[in-house]
Amino acid sequence: MSKGKNITPNQRAMIKVLLDQNLSQVQIAKKLKLSRCAIQNAIKHINKFGMLENAPRTPRKRSTTERIDRIIRRLSEGNCRLNCQGYLQRNESLSRMLTE
């Protein structure tokens, strides 16, 4: 996640065009009113991914399977006052599946 504003694909395209015209990073930064570091990072992005769009994000890894989610959902609909620890104490097979 970036600290500041993200560079748009249009700005990356402009950077690529200006690089092809043999302008330096400082000259491109002044022309587009961006920092030199932003220009340098955009050039790295273009070289690494070969595309002008933002890089695809990867989702967080699941800690439970869909089957375990269904079991927890079914148990919680039966007794809404129990928390996860209560379910684990009442259902040993569920706790074994989670620890494996």
Protein backbone atom coordinates (compact mmCIF):
# COMPACT_ATOMS: atom_id res chain seq x y z
CA MET A 1 0.00 0.00 0.00
CA SER A 2 1.36 3.36 -0.94
CA LYS A 3 1.63 6.26 1.48
CA GLY A 4 0.52 8.88 -1.01
CA LYS A 5 -1.57 9.03 -4.15
CA ASN A 6 -1.29 6.19 -6.62
CA ILE A 7 -0.04 6.95 -10.09
CA THR A 8 -2.79 6.37 -12.64
CA PRO A 9 -2.32 4.22 -15.75
CA ASN A 10 -2.57 7.41 -17.85
CA GLN A 11 0.35 8.94 -15.93
CA ARG A 12 2.36 5.74 -16.42
CA ALA A 13 1.66 5.93 -20.15
CA MET A 14 2.90 9.53 -20.18
CA ILE A 15 6.03 8.49 -18.28
CA LYS A 16 6.69 5.73 -20.81
CA VAL A 17 6.26 8.15 -23.73
CA LEU A 18 8.57 10.71 -22.13
CA LEU A 19 11.15 8.00 -21.39
CA ASP A 20 11.07 7.01 -25.06
CA GLN A 21 11.87 10.65 -25.86
CA ASN A 22 15.06 10.28 -23.74
CA LEU A 23 13.99 12.66 -20.97
CA SER A 24 15.58 12.15 -17.56
CA GLN A 25 13.60 11.19 -14.47
CA VAL A 26 14.01 14.72 -13.08
CA GLN A 27 12.70 16.30 -16.28
CA ILE A 28 9.72 13.94 -16.36
CA ALA A 29 9.00 14.69 -12.70
CA LYS A 30 8.98 18.43 -13.34
CA LYS A 31 6.83 18.08 -16.44
CA LEU A 32 4.20 15.86 -14.75
CA LYS A 33 4.50 17.61 -11.35
CA LEU A 34 5.33 14.38 -9.53
CA SER A 35 8.28 13.48 -7.34
CA ARG A 36 11.36 11.86 -8.85
CA CYS A 37 10.82 8.85 -6.57
CA ALA A 38 7.28 8.42 -7.93
CA ILE A 39 8.69 8.45 -11.47
CA GLN A 40 11.37 5.94 -10.52
CA ASN A 41 8.79 3.62 -8.91
CA ALA A 42 6.54 3.90 -11.97
CA ILE A 43 9.45 2.93 -14.22
CA LYS A 44 10.16 -0.09 -11.98
CA HIS A 45 6.48 -1.03 -12.15
CA ILE A 46 6.44 -0.82 -15.95
CA ASN A 47 9.61 -2.91 -16.23
CA LYS A 48 8.50 -5.50 -13.65
CA PHE A 49 4.91 -6.12 -14.77
CA GLY A 50 5.10 -4.93 -18.37
CA MET A 51 1.74 -3.22 -18.06
CA LEU A 52 0.49 0.22 -17.20
CA GLU A 53 -2.39 -0.81 -14.91
CA ASN A 54 -2.00 -1.32 -11.18
CA ALA A 55 -0.65 -4.72 -10.16
CA PRO A 56 -3.26 -7.31 -9.20
CA ARG A 57 -3.70 -7.79 -5.47
CA THR A 58 -3.58 -11.21 -3.84
CA PRO A 59 -6.26 -12.12 -1.30
CA ARG A 60 -5.54 -13.21 2.23
CA LYS A 61 -5.08 -16.96 2.69
CA ARG A 62 -8.11 -18.71 4.19
CA SER A 63 -7.67 -20.23 7.65
CA THR A 64 -10.81 -22.38 7.40
CA THR A 65 -12.24 -24.41 4.56
CA GLU A 66 -15.71 -23.93 3.12
CA ARG A 67 -16.80 -27.13 4.86
CA ILE A 68 -15.74 -25.85 8.27
CA ASP A 69 -17.48 -22.54 7.55
CA ARG A 70 -20.73 -24.42 6.80
CA ILE A 71 -20.44 -26.39 10.05
CA ILE A 72 -19.81 -23.25 12.10
CA ARG A 73 -22.69 -21.44 10.40
CA ARG A 74 -25.07 -24.36 11.06
CA LEU A 75 -24.02 -24.55 14.73
CA SER A 76 -24.34 -20.80 15.22
CA GLU A 77 -27.86 -20.77 13.76
CA GLY A 78 -28.83 -23.43 16.31
CA ASN A 79 -27.51 -21.53 19.35
CA CYS A 80 -26.64 -17.87 18.81
CA ARG A 81 -25.38 -17.35 22.39
CA LEU A 82 -22.28 -19.54 22.03
CA ASN A 83 -18.97 -18.16 20.80
CA CYS A 84 -16.30 -20.04 18.87
CA GLN A 85 -14.69 -21.48 22.00
CA GLY A 86 -18.07 -22.85 23.09
CA TYR A 87 -18.49 -24.60 19.75
CA LEU A 88 -15.03 -26.10 19.96
CA GLN A 89 -15.69 -27.44 23.47
CA ARG A 90 -19.02 -28.99 22.42
CA ASN A 91 -17.83 -30.41 19.12
CA GLU A 92 -14.52 -32.31 19.26
CA SER A 93 -14.54 -33.19 15.56
CA LEU A 94 -14.70 -29.50 14.64
CA SER A 95 -11.75 -28.70 16.91
CA ARG A 96 -9.77 -31.57 15.33
CA MET A 97 -10.48 -30.20 11.83
CA LEU A 98 -9.34 -26.72 12.83
CA THR A 99 -6.09 -27.91 14.41
CA GLU A 100 -5.07 -30.10 11.44
